[in-house]
Amino acid sequence: FLDEIGEMSMGIQAKLLRFLQEGEFYRIGGKRPIQVDVRILSASNRELENEIREQRFREDLFYRLNTITLRMPPLRKRKDDIPMLVDYFLKNSRFGGAAQQIKRVDPRAYEVFQNYDWPGNIRELQNTIERLKILAENNEIRVEDIPFSIRMPKTRSDTGDFAIDMPLDDVEKGHILRALTYH
């Protein structure tokens, strides 16, 4: 599995292409090629077609790798997946010590998780769950345990920036939230 393949330098891309075409590689310091039969899975958060146009990704490597493409929308567009992912990360975490005994997640906590946009995608959700497991004081994740930045994410109205087309309800909500935060 090659994660973030769009970040590879052009030199490494050329070596990977050769490996894929020949099905062999040399160990560091080795004199004989080693034959392999492998399948490659790769992922990228970049649009590789755009990277090809900008000459930052090799077109021949793209077509060599592009046998089957799965496009995953960001987590903010898959809100229904969040409870399942939270449960998975709770059960399959390497961290948490005694707090790994978390047996319940408050339904309101799931709601908070689903209302957040997760700009860091699944990795941000995973790290948040890891943090909650480590810092949990009992065997339940409650809304109060969730970091404030997730419970009350900053929006345009929170920062005092108002667009001319912003509905009055959003302006009022932003003002109320700022007043509550201040007091």
N, C-alpha and C. Protein backbone atom coordinates (compact mmCIF):
# COMPACT_ATOMS: atom_id res chain seq x y z
N PHE A 1 0.85 -1.18 0.00
CA PHE A 1 0.00 0.00 0.00
C PHE A 1 0.89 1.23 0.00
N LEU A 2 0.73 2.06 -1.00
CA LEU A 2 1.50 3.30 -1.11
C LEU A 2 0.56 4.46 -0.83
N ASP A 3 0.71 5.05 0.35
CA ASP A 3 -0.15 6.14 0.76
C ASP A 3 0.41 7.46 0.22
N GLU A 4 -0.48 8.35 -0.17
CA GLU A 4 -0.10 9.68 -0.69
C GLU A 4 0.90 9.57 -1.83
N ILE A 5 0.56 8.77 -2.81
CA ILE A 5 1.45 8.54 -3.95
C ILE A 5 1.70 9.82 -4.75
N GLY A 6 0.76 10.76 -4.68
CA GLY A 6 0.92 12.03 -5.39
C GLY A 6 2.04 12.89 -4.84
N GLU A 7 2.56 12.53 -3.67
CA GLU A 7 3.65 13.29 -3.04
C GLU A 7 5.03 12.80 -3.48
N MET A 8 5.09 11.71 -4.23
CA MET A 8 6.38 11.13 -4.64
C MET A 8 7.12 12.06 -5.58
N SER A 9 8.43 12.10 -5.42
CA SER A 9 9.26 12.88 -6.34
C SER A 9 9.27 12.19 -7.71
N MET A 10 9.62 12.94 -8.73
CA MET A 10 9.65 12.38 -10.09
C MET A 10 10.68 11.26 -10.18
N GLY A 11 11.80 11.36 -9.47
CA GLY A 11 12.82 10.31 -9.49
C GLY A 11 12.30 9.00 -8.91
N ILE A 12 11.62 9.08 -7.80
CA ILE A 12 11.05 7.88 -7.18
C ILE A 12 9.94 7.32 -8.06
N GLN A 13 9.17 8.19 -8.71
CA GLN A 13 8.12 7.72 -9.63
C GLN A 13 8.73 6.89 -10.75
N ALA A 14 9.86 7.34 -11.29
CA ALA A 14 10.52 6.61 -12.37
C ALA A 14 10.98 5.23 -11.89
N LYS A 15 11.52 5.16 -10.67
CA LYS A 15 11.97 3.88 -10.12
C LYS A 15 10.78 2.96 -9.86
N LEU A 16 9.68 3.51 -9.38
CA LEU A 16 8.49 2.70 -9.14
C LEU A 16 7.94 2.16 -10.46
N LEU A 17 7.93 3.00 -11.47
CA LEU A 17 7.44 2.56 -12.78
C LEU A 17 8.30 1.40 -13.30
N ARG A 18 9.59 1.51 -13.18
CA ARG A 18 10.48 0.43 -13.62
C ARG A 18 10.18 -0.85 -12.85
N PHE A 19 10.01 -0.73 -11.53
CA PHE A 19 9.68 -1.88 -10.70
C PHE A 19 8.38 -2.53 -11.16
N LEU A 20 7.37 -1.72 -11.45
CA LEU A 20 6.08 -2.26 -11.87
C LEU A 20 6.18 -2.94 -13.24
N GLN A 21 6.96 -2.37 -14.14
CA GLN A 21 7.08 -2.94 -15.48
C GLN A 21 7.92 -4.21 -15.50
N GLU A 22 8.99 -4.22 -14.74
CA GLU A 22 9.92 -5.35 -14.76
C GLU A 22 9.57 -6.42 -13.74
N GLY A 23 8.86 -6.05 -12.66
CA GLY A 23 8.54 -7.02 -11.62
C GLY A 23 9.76 -7.47 -10.84
N GLU A 24 10.76 -6.60 -10.74
CA GLU A 24 11.96 -6.95 -10.00
C GLU A 24 12.57 -5.70 -9.37
N PHE A 25 13.39 -5.94 -8.35
CA PHE A 25 14.10 -4.85 -7.71
C PHE A 25 15.44 -5.37 -7.22
N TYR A 26 16.33 -4.46 -6.84
CA TYR A 26 17.63 -4.81 -6.29
C TYR A 26 17.67 -4.37 -4.84
N ARG A 27 18.15 -5.26 -3.98
CA ARG A 27 18.40 -4.87 -2.60
C ARG A 27 19.51 -3.85 -2.58
N ILE A 28 19.50 -3.02 -1.55
CA ILE A 28 20.60 -2.05 -1.42
C ILE A 28 21.90 -2.84 -1.29
N GLY A 29 22.81 -2.53 -2.19
CA GLY A 29 24.10 -3.23 -2.22
C GLY A 29 24.04 -4.57 -2.92
N GLY A 30 22.86 -4.99 -3.37
CA GLY A 30 22.72 -6.29 -4.02
C GLY A 30 23.20 -6.27 -5.46
N LYS A 31 23.58 -7.44 -5.96
CA LYS A 31 24.08 -7.56 -7.33
C LYS A 31 23.07 -8.23 -8.24
N ARG A 32 22.13 -9.00 -7.65
CA ARG A 32 21.16 -9.73 -8.46
C ARG A 32 19.76 -9.18 -8.24
N PRO A 33 18.97 -9.14 -9.30
CA PRO A 33 17.59 -8.68 -9.14
C PRO A 33 16.75 -9.73 -8.41
N ILE A 34 15.78 -9.26 -7.68
CA ILE A 34 14.85 -10.14 -6.97
C ILE A 34 13.50 -10.03 -7.68
N GLN A 35 13.00 -11.15 -8.15
CA GLN A 35 11.72 -11.19 -8.87
C GLN A 35 10.58 -11.23 -7.85
N VAL A 36 9.53 -10.45 -8.12
CA VAL A 36 8.35 -10.43 -7.25
C VAL A 36 7.09 -10.40 -8.09
N ASP A 37 6.02 -10.86 -7.48
CA ASP A 37 4.70 -10.79 -8.10
C ASP A 37 3.80 -10.15 -7.05
N VAL A 38 3.52 -8.88 -7.21
CA VAL A 38 2.77 -8.14 -6.19
C VAL A 38 1.62 -7.37 -6.81
N ARG A 39 0.69 -7.00 -5.97
CA ARG A 39 -0.36 -6.06 -6.34
C ARG A 39 -0.11 -4.79 -5.56
N ILE A 40 -0.30 -3.68 -6.21
CA ILE A 40 -0.05 -2.39 -5.58
C ILE A 40 -1.38 -1.68 -5.36
N LEU A 41 -1.59 -1.23 -4.14
CA LEU A 41 -2.70 -0.34 -3.82
C LEU A 41 -2.08 1.01 -3.50
N SER A 42 -2.69 2.06 -4.00
CA SER A 42 -2.16 3.39 -3.71
C SER A 42 -3.31 4.33 -3.40
N ALA A 43 -2.97 5.41 -2.68
CA ALA A 43 -3.97 6.41 -2.32
C ALA A 43 -3.36 7.79 -2.46
N SER A 44 -4.22 8.74 -2.73
CA SER A 44 -3.77 10.12 -2.85
C SER A 44 -4.93 11.04 -2.52
N ASN A 45 -4.61 12.15 -1.87
CA ASN A 45 -5.65 13.15 -1.65
C ASN A 45 -5.63 14.19 -2.77
N ARG A 46 -4.73 14.03 -3.69
CA ARG A 46 -4.63 14.93 -4.84
C ARG A 46 -5.35 14.34 -6.04
N GLU A 47 -5.77 15.20 -6.94
CA GLU A 47 -6.34 14.76 -8.22
C GLU A 47 -5.16 14.50 -9.15
N LEU A 48 -4.83 13.23 -9.36
CA LEU A 48 -3.63 12.90 -10.12
C LEU A 48 -3.72 13.37 -11.57
N GLU A 49 -4.93 13.44 -12.12
CA GLU A 49 -5.06 13.96 -13.49
C GLU A 49 -4.57 15.40 -13.56
N ASN A 50 -4.87 16.20 -12.54
CA ASN A 50 -4.38 17.58 -12.49
C ASN A 50 -2.86 17.61 -12.30
N GLU A 51 -2.35 16.69 -11.50
CA GLU A 51 -0.91 16.62 -11.26
C GLU A 51 -0.17 16.27 -12.56
N ILE A 52 -0.79 15.44 -13.39
CA ILE A 52 -0.19 15.10 -14.69
C ILE A 52 -0.14 16.35 -15.57
N ARG A 53 -1.24 17.08 -15.63
CA ARG A 53 -1.27 18.32 -16.44
C ARG A 53 -0.23 19.32 -15.96
N GLU A 54 0.00 19.37 -14.65
CA GLU A 54 1.00 20.30 -14.08
C GLU A 54 2.41 19.71 -14.11
N GLN A 55 2.54 18.51 -14.70
CA GLN A 55 3.82 17.81 -14.84
C GLN A 55 4.48 17.52 -13.50
N ARG A 56 3.65 17.17 -12.50
CA ARG A 56 4.18 16.77 -11.20
C ARG A 56 3.97 15.28 -10.94
N PHE A 57 3.29 14.61 -11.88
CA PHE A 57 3.10 13.17 -11.77
C PHE A 57 3.22 12.56 -13.15
N ARG A 58 3.91 11.44 -13.24
CA ARG A 58 4.16 10.79 -14.53
C ARG A 58 2.88 10.16 -15.07
N GLU A 59 2.58 10.46 -16.32
CA GLU A 59 1.38 9.92 -16.94
C GLU A 59 1.47 8.40 -17.10
N ASP A 60 2.65 7.90 -17.49
CA ASP A 60 2.80 6.46 -17.67
C ASP A 60 2.62 5.70 -16.35
N LEU A 61 3.08 6.27 -15.24
CA LEU A 61 2.87 5.65 -13.93
C LEU A 61 1.39 5.69 -13.55
N PHE A 62 0.75 6.79 -13.86
CA PHE A 62 -0.68 6.90 -13.57
C PHE A 62 -1.45 5.78 -14.26
N TYR A 63 -1.20 5.56 -15.54
CA TYR A 63 -1.93 4.52 -16.26
C TYR A 63 -1.52 3.12 -15.82
N ARG A 64 -0.31 2.96 -15.34
CA ARG A 64 0.12 1.66 -14.83
C ARG A 64 -0.62 1.34 -13.52
N LEU A 65 -0.84 2.35 -12.69
CA LEU A 65 -1.50 2.15 -11.39
C LEU A 65 -3.03 2.18 -11.49
N ASN A 66 -3.55 2.83 -12.51
CA ASN A 66 -4.98 3.14 -12.57
C ASN A 66 -5.81 2.01 -13.18
N THR A 67 -5.73 0.83 -12.59
CA THR A 67 -6.52 -0.29 -13.06
C THR A 67 -7.95 -0.18 -12.55
N ILE A 68 -8.08 -0.03 -11.25
CA ILE A 68 -9.39 0.16 -10.62
C ILE A 68 -9.28 1.39 -9.73
N THR A 69 -10.21 2.32 -9.90
CA THR A 69 -10.20 3.55 -9.11
C THR A 69 -11.41 3.60 -8.20
N LEU A 70 -11.17 3.86 -6.95
CA LEU A 70 -12.25 4.09 -5.99
C LEU A 70 -12.12 5.53 -5.51
N ARG A 71 -13.16 6.29 -5.67
CA ARG A 71 -13.14 7.67 -5.19
C ARG A 71 -13.96 7.73 -3.91
N MET A 72 -13.31 8.16 -2.85
CA MET A 72 -13.97 8.28 -1.56
C MET A 72 -14.22 9.75 -1.26
N PRO A 73 -15.46 10.11 -1.02
CA PRO A 73 -15.72 11.49 -0.64
C PRO A 73 -15.17 11.75 0.76
N PRO A 74 -14.92 13.00 1.09
CA PRO A 74 -14.41 13.31 2.43
C PRO A 74 -15.44 12.94 3.50
N LEU A 75 -14.97 12.79 4.71
CA LEU A 75 -15.82 12.36 5.81
C LEU A 75 -17.00 13.30 6.02
N ARG A 76 -16.81 14.59 5.79
CA ARG A 76 -17.90 15.55 5.99
C ARG A 76 -19.09 15.27 5.06
N LYS A 77 -18.86 14.51 3.98
CA LYS A 77 -19.94 14.16 3.07
C LYS A 77 -20.46 12.74 3.33
N ARG A 78 -19.92 12.09 4.36
CA ARG A 78 -20.34 10.73 4.72
C ARG A 78 -20.67 10.68 6.22
N LYS A 79 -21.50 11.59 6.66
CA LYS A 79 -21.82 11.72 8.09
C LYS A 79 -22.36 10.43 8.70
N ASP A 80 -23.08 9.64 7.90
CA ASP A 80 -23.66 8.41 8.43
C ASP A 80 -22.60 7.37 8.79
N ASP A 81 -21.39 7.51 8.26
CA ASP A 81 -20.31 6.57 8.58
C ASP A 81 -19.67 6.86 9.93
N ILE A 82 -19.87 8.05 10.46
CA ILE A 82 -19.15 8.48 11.66
C ILE A 82 -19.41 7.58 12.86
N PRO A 83 -20.66 7.24 13.22
CA PRO A 83 -20.84 6.37 14.39
C PRO A 83 -20.14 5.02 14.25
N MET A 84 -20.19 4.43 13.06
CA MET A 84 -19.52 3.16 12.83
C MET A 84 -18.00 3.31 12.99
N LEU A 85 -17.44 4.41 12.47
CA LEU A 85 -16.01 4.64 12.60
C LEU A 85 -15.60 4.88 14.04
N VAL A 86 -16.41 5.64 14.78
CA VAL A 86 -16.13 5.88 16.20
C VAL A 86 -16.07 4.55 16.94
N ASP A 87 -17.06 3.71 16.72
CA ASP A 87 -17.09 2.40 17.38
C ASP A 87 -15.87 1.56 16.99
N TYR A 88 -15.51 1.59 15.72
CA TYR A 88 -14.35 0.82 15.25
C TYR A 88 -13.09 1.31 15.95
N PHE A 89 -12.89 2.63 15.99
CA PHE A 89 -11.67 3.17 16.61
C PHE A 89 -11.65 2.90 18.11
N LEU A 90 -12.80 2.88 18.75
CA LEU A 90 -12.84 2.56 20.17
C LEU A 90 -12.42 1.11 20.42
N LYS A 91 -12.84 0.21 19.57
CA LYS A 91 -12.55 -1.21 19.78
C LYS A 91 -11.16 -1.60 19.30
N ASN A 92 -10.60 -0.89 18.35
CA ASN A 92 -9.35 -1.31 17.72
C ASN A 92 -8.21 -0.34 17.96
N SER A 93 -8.21 0.32 19.08
CA SER A 93 -7.18 1.29 19.38
C SER A 93 -6.00 0.63 20.07
N ARG A 94 -4.82 1.15 19.80
CA ARG A 94 -3.62 0.67 20.49
C ARG A 94 -3.38 1.44 21.78
N PHE A 95 -4.12 2.52 21.99
CA PHE A 95 -3.87 3.41 23.11
C PHE A 95 -5.03 3.42 24.08
N GLY A 96 -4.82 4.04 25.21
CA GLY A 96 -5.91 4.27 26.13
C GLY A 96 -5.73 3.64 27.48
N GLY A 97 -4.84 2.66 27.63
CA GLY A 97 -4.61 2.06 28.94
C GLY A 97 -5.90 1.60 29.57
N ALA A 98 -6.10 1.98 30.84
CA ALA A 98 -7.31 1.58 31.56
C ALA A 98 -8.56 2.18 30.93
N ALA A 99 -8.40 3.29 30.26
CA ALA A 99 -9.56 3.94 29.63
C ALA A 99 -10.08 3.15 28.44
N GLN A 100 -9.35 2.09 28.05
CA GLN A 100 -9.84 1.27 26.95
C GLN A 100 -11.11 0.53 27.34
N GLN A 101 -11.51 0.65 28.57
CA GLN A 101 -12.72 -0.02 29.03
C GLN A 101 -13.97 0.79 28.69
N ILE A 102 -13.87 1.73 27.78
CA ILE A 102 -15.03 2.53 27.40
C ILE A 102 -16.07 1.60 26.79
N LYS A 103 -17.23 1.61 27.40
CA LYS A 103 -18.28 0.69 26.98
C LYS A 103 -19.45 1.39 26.31
N ARG A 104 -19.47 2.71 26.39
CA ARG A 104 -20.63 3.42 25.88
C ARG A 104 -20.22 4.80 25.36
N VAL A 105 -20.92 5.22 24.31
CA VAL A 105 -20.77 6.58 23.81
C VAL A 105 -22.14 7.23 23.91
N ASP A 106 -22.19 8.36 24.59
CA ASP A 106 -23.45 9.09 24.72
C ASP A 106 -23.98 9.41 23.32
N PRO A 107 -25.26 9.14 23.05
CA PRO A 107 -25.83 9.45 21.73
C PRO A 107 -25.64 10.92 21.34
N ARG A 108 -25.62 11.82 22.31
CA ARG A 108 -25.38 13.24 21.99
C ARG A 108 -23.96 13.45 21.50
N ALA A 109 -23.02 12.61 21.94
CA ALA A 109 -21.64 12.70 21.46
C ALA A 109 -21.57 12.33 19.98
N TYR A 110 -22.31 11.27 19.60
CA TYR A 110 -22.37 10.92 18.18
C TYR A 110 -22.91 12.09 17.37
N GLU A 111 -23.90 12.74 17.91
CA GLU A 111 -24.51 13.89 17.23
C GLU A 111 -23.49 15.01 17.04
N VAL A 112 -22.69 15.27 18.08
CA VAL A 112 -21.64 16.30 17.97
C VAL A 112 -20.64 15.89 16.90
N PHE A 113 -20.24 14.63 16.90
CA PHE A 113 -19.29 14.16 15.89
C PHE A 113 -19.85 14.34 14.48
N GLN A 114 -21.13 14.08 14.31
CA GLN A 114 -21.74 14.19 12.99
C GLN A 114 -21.95 15.64 12.56
N ASN A 115 -21.99 16.56 13.50
CA ASN A 115 -22.17 17.98 13.16
C ASN A 115 -20.86 18.68 12.83
N TYR A 116 -19.74 18.02 13.08
CA TYR A 116 -18.43 18.61 12.82
C TYR A 116 -17.99 18.24 11.40
N ASP A 117 -17.26 19.12 10.73
CA ASP A 117 -16.87 18.91 9.33
C ASP A 117 -15.64 18.02 9.12
N TRP A 118 -14.85 17.76 10.14
CA TRP A 118 -13.67 16.90 10.07
C TRP A 118 -12.74 17.29 8.92
N PRO A 119 -12.15 18.49 8.99
CA PRO A 119 -11.23 18.90 7.91
C PRO A 119 -10.02 17.98 7.79
N GLY A 120 -9.64 17.29 8.87
CA GLY A 120 -8.54 16.34 8.82
C GLY A 120 -8.99 14.95 8.44
N ASN A 121 -10.26 14.82 8.07
CA ASN A 121 -10.84 13.57 7.60
C ASN A 121 -10.77 12.47 8.64
N ILE A 122 -10.66 11.23 8.20
CA ILE A 122 -10.74 10.08 9.11
C ILE A 122 -9.57 10.08 10.09
N ARG A 123 -8.42 10.57 9.68
CA ARG A 123 -7.27 10.60 10.61
C ARG A 123 -7.57 11.53 11.79
N GLU A 124 -8.23 12.64 11.54
CA GLU A 124 -8.59 13.54 12.63
C GLU A 124 -9.58 12.87 13.57
N LEU A 125 -10.56 12.17 13.01
CA LEU A 125 -11.54 11.45 13.84
C LEU A 125 -10.82 10.38 14.67
N GLN A 126 -9.94 9.63 14.05
CA GLN A 126 -9.22 8.58 14.77
C GLN A 126 -8.40 9.17 15.92
N ASN A 127 -7.67 10.25 15.66
CA ASN A 127 -6.87 10.87 16.71
C ASN A 127 -7.74 11.42 17.84
N THR A 128 -8.91 11.95 17.48
CA THR A 128 -9.82 12.46 18.50
C THR A 128 -10.30 11.32 19.40
N ILE A 129 -10.64 10.19 18.81
CA ILE A 129 -11.10 9.04 19.60
C ILE A 129 -9.95 8.52 20.47
N GLU A 130 -8.75 8.47 19.93
CA GLU A 130 -7.59 8.05 20.72
C GLU A 130 -7.42 8.98 21.93
N ARG A 131 -7.51 10.28 21.70
CA ARG A 131 -7.36 11.26 22.78
C ARG A 131 -8.45 11.07 23.83
N LEU A 132 -9.69 10.85 23.37
CA LEU A 132 -10.79 10.66 24.32
C LEU A 132 -10.59 9.39 25.14
N LYS A 133 -10.06 8.34 24.53
CA LYS A 133 -9.82 7.10 25.29
C LYS A 133 -8.75 7.31 26.35
N ILE A 134 -7.73 8.05 26.00
CA ILE A 134 -6.63 8.28 26.94
C ILE A 134 -7.09 9.16 28.10
N LEU A 135 -7.89 10.18 27.80
CA LEU A 135 -8.26 11.16 28.82
C LEU A 135 -9.58 10.85 29.53
N ALA A 136 -10.28 9.81 29.09
CA ALA A 136 -11.58 9.50 29.67
C ALA A 136 -11.45 9.22 31.17
N GLU A 137 -12.38 9.78 31.94
CA GLU A 137 -12.37 9.57 33.39
C GLU A 137 -13.30 8.44 33.81
N ASN A 138 -14.12 7.98 32.92
CA ASN A 138 -14.99 6.85 33.23
C ASN A 138 -15.14 6.00 31.98
N ASN A 139 -16.08 5.10 31.96
CA ASN A 139 -16.20 4.18 30.83
C ASN A 139 -17.20 4.65 29.78
N GLU A 140 -17.41 5.95 29.69
CA GLU A 140 -18.34 6.51 28.71
C GLU A 140 -17.74 7.79 28.12
N ILE A 141 -17.95 7.96 26.83
CA ILE A 141 -17.57 9.23 26.20
C ILE A 141 -18.80 10.10 26.20
N ARG A 142 -18.66 11.26 26.84
CA ARG A 142 -19.77 12.20 26.94
C ARG A 142 -19.44 13.46 26.15
N VAL A 143 -20.45 14.26 25.90
CA VAL A 143 -20.27 15.50 25.15
C VAL A 143 -19.21 16.38 25.82
N GLU A 144 -19.21 16.43 27.15
CA GLU A 144 -18.25 17.27 27.88
C GLU A 144 -16.81 16.83 27.64
N ASP A 145 -16.61 15.57 27.28
CA ASP A 145 -15.26 15.04 27.04
C ASP A 145 -14.70 15.48 25.68
N ILE A 146 -15.58 15.81 24.76
CA ILE A 146 -15.17 16.16 23.40
C ILE A 146 -14.50 17.53 23.41
N PRO A 147 -13.38 17.67 22.71
CA PRO A 147 -12.70 18.97 22.68
C PRO A 147 -13.63 20.09 22.22
N PHE A 148 -13.46 21.25 22.84
CA PHE A 148 -14.31 22.40 22.56
C PHE A 148 -14.29 22.77 21.08
N SER A 149 -13.13 22.61 20.44
CA SER A 149 -13.02 22.99 19.02
C SER A 149 -13.91 22.13 18.13
N ILE A 150 -14.27 20.95 18.61
CA ILE A 150 -15.18 20.07 17.85
C ILE A 150 -16.62 20.34 18.24
N ARG A 151 -16.84 20.57 19.54
CA ARG A 151 -18.20 20.87 20.00
C ARG A 151 -18.70 22.19 19.44
N MET A 152 -17.82 23.17 19.39
CA MET A 152 -18.18 24.52 18.94
C MET A 152 -17.20 24.99 17.87
N PRO A 153 -17.23 24.40 16.68
CA PRO A 153 -16.26 24.78 15.65
C PRO A 153 -16.47 26.23 15.23
N LYS A 154 -15.36 26.85 14.88
CA LYS A 154 -15.44 28.24 14.41
C LYS A 154 -16.07 28.27 13.03
N THR A 155 -17.00 29.15 12.86
CA THR A 155 -17.62 29.38 11.56
C THR A 155 -17.38 30.83 11.20
N ARG A 156 -17.80 31.23 10.04
CA ARG A 156 -17.61 32.62 9.64
C ARG A 156 -18.27 33.57 10.63
N SER A 157 -19.46 33.20 11.11
CA SER A 157 -20.15 34.09 12.03
C SER A 157 -19.47 34.11 13.39
N ASP A 158 -18.75 33.02 13.77
CA ASP A 158 -18.05 33.00 15.06
C ASP A 158 -16.89 33.97 15.08
N THR A 159 -16.28 34.21 13.95
CA THR A 159 -15.11 35.07 13.91
C THR A 159 -15.50 36.53 13.73
N GLY A 160 -16.77 36.81 13.60
CA GLY A 160 -17.21 38.19 13.41
C GLY A 160 -17.27 38.59 11.96
N ASP A 161 -16.92 37.69 11.05
CA ASP A 161 -17.00 37.99 9.63
C ASP A 161 -18.41 37.68 9.14
N PHE A 162 -19.04 38.66 8.57
CA PHE A 162 -20.39 38.46 8.08
C PHE A 162 -20.43 38.74 6.59
N ALA A 163 -21.02 37.82 5.88
CA ALA A 163 -21.20 38.02 4.45
C ALA A 163 -22.50 38.79 4.24
N ILE A 164 -22.56 39.52 3.17
CA ILE A 164 -23.74 40.33 2.89
C ILE A 164 -24.99 39.47 2.70
N ASP A 165 -24.77 38.22 2.24
CA ASP A 165 -25.91 37.34 2.00
C ASP A 165 -26.18 36.38 3.16
N MET A 166 -25.52 36.59 4.31
CA MET A 166 -25.70 35.70 5.45
C MET A 166 -27.08 35.93 6.06
N PRO A 167 -27.84 34.86 6.30
CA PRO A 167 -29.16 35.02 6.90
C PRO A 167 -29.07 35.62 8.30
N LEU A 168 -30.08 36.40 8.67
CA LEU A 168 -30.11 37.05 9.97
C LEU A 168 -30.01 36.03 11.10
N ASP A 169 -30.61 34.86 10.92
CA ASP A 169 -30.53 33.82 11.95
C ASP A 169 -29.09 33.43 12.23
N ASP A 170 -28.26 33.33 11.18
CA ASP A 170 -26.85 32.97 11.36
C ASP A 170 -26.09 34.09 12.08
N VAL A 171 -26.41 35.33 11.76
CA VAL A 171 -25.77 36.47 12.42
C VAL A 171 -26.12 36.45 13.91
N GLU A 172 -27.40 36.25 14.22
CA GLU A 172 -27.84 36.21 15.62
C GLU A 172 -27.19 35.03 16.36
N LYS A 173 -27.16 33.88 15.72
CA LYS A 173 -26.56 32.70 16.33
C LYS A 173 -25.08 32.97 16.65
N GLY A 174 -24.36 33.54 15.70
CA GLY A 174 -22.95 33.85 15.92
C GLY A 174 -22.76 34.80 17.08
N HIS A 175 -23.62 35.81 17.17
CA HIS A 175 -23.51 36.77 18.28
C HIS A 175 -23.79 36.09 19.62
N ILE A 176 -24.80 35.27 19.66
CA ILE A 176 -25.15 34.55 20.90
C ILE A 176 -24.01 33.62 21.31
N LEU A 177 -23.45 32.89 20.37
CA LEU A 177 -22.36 31.97 20.68
C LEU A 177 -21.12 32.71 21.18
N ARG A 178 -20.80 33.85 20.57
CA ARG A 178 -19.66 34.65 21.04
C ARG A 178 -19.92 35.17 22.44
N ALA A 179 -21.15 35.60 22.71
CA ALA A 179 -21.48 36.11 24.05
C ALA A 179 -21.37 34.99 25.09
N LEU A 180 -21.87 33.79 24.74
CA LEU A 180 -21.78 32.67 25.66
C LEU A 180 -20.32 32.28 25.91
N THR A 181 -19.52 32.27 24.86
CA THR A 181 -18.10 31.94 25.02
C THR A 181 -17.41 32.97 25.90
N TYR A 182 -17.72 34.23 25.70
CA TYR A 182 -17.09 35.31 26.46
C TYR A 182 -17.46 35.22 27.93
N HIS A 183 -18.72 34.92 28.23
CA HIS A 183 -19.19 34.91 29.62
C HIS A 183 -19.13 33.52 30.20
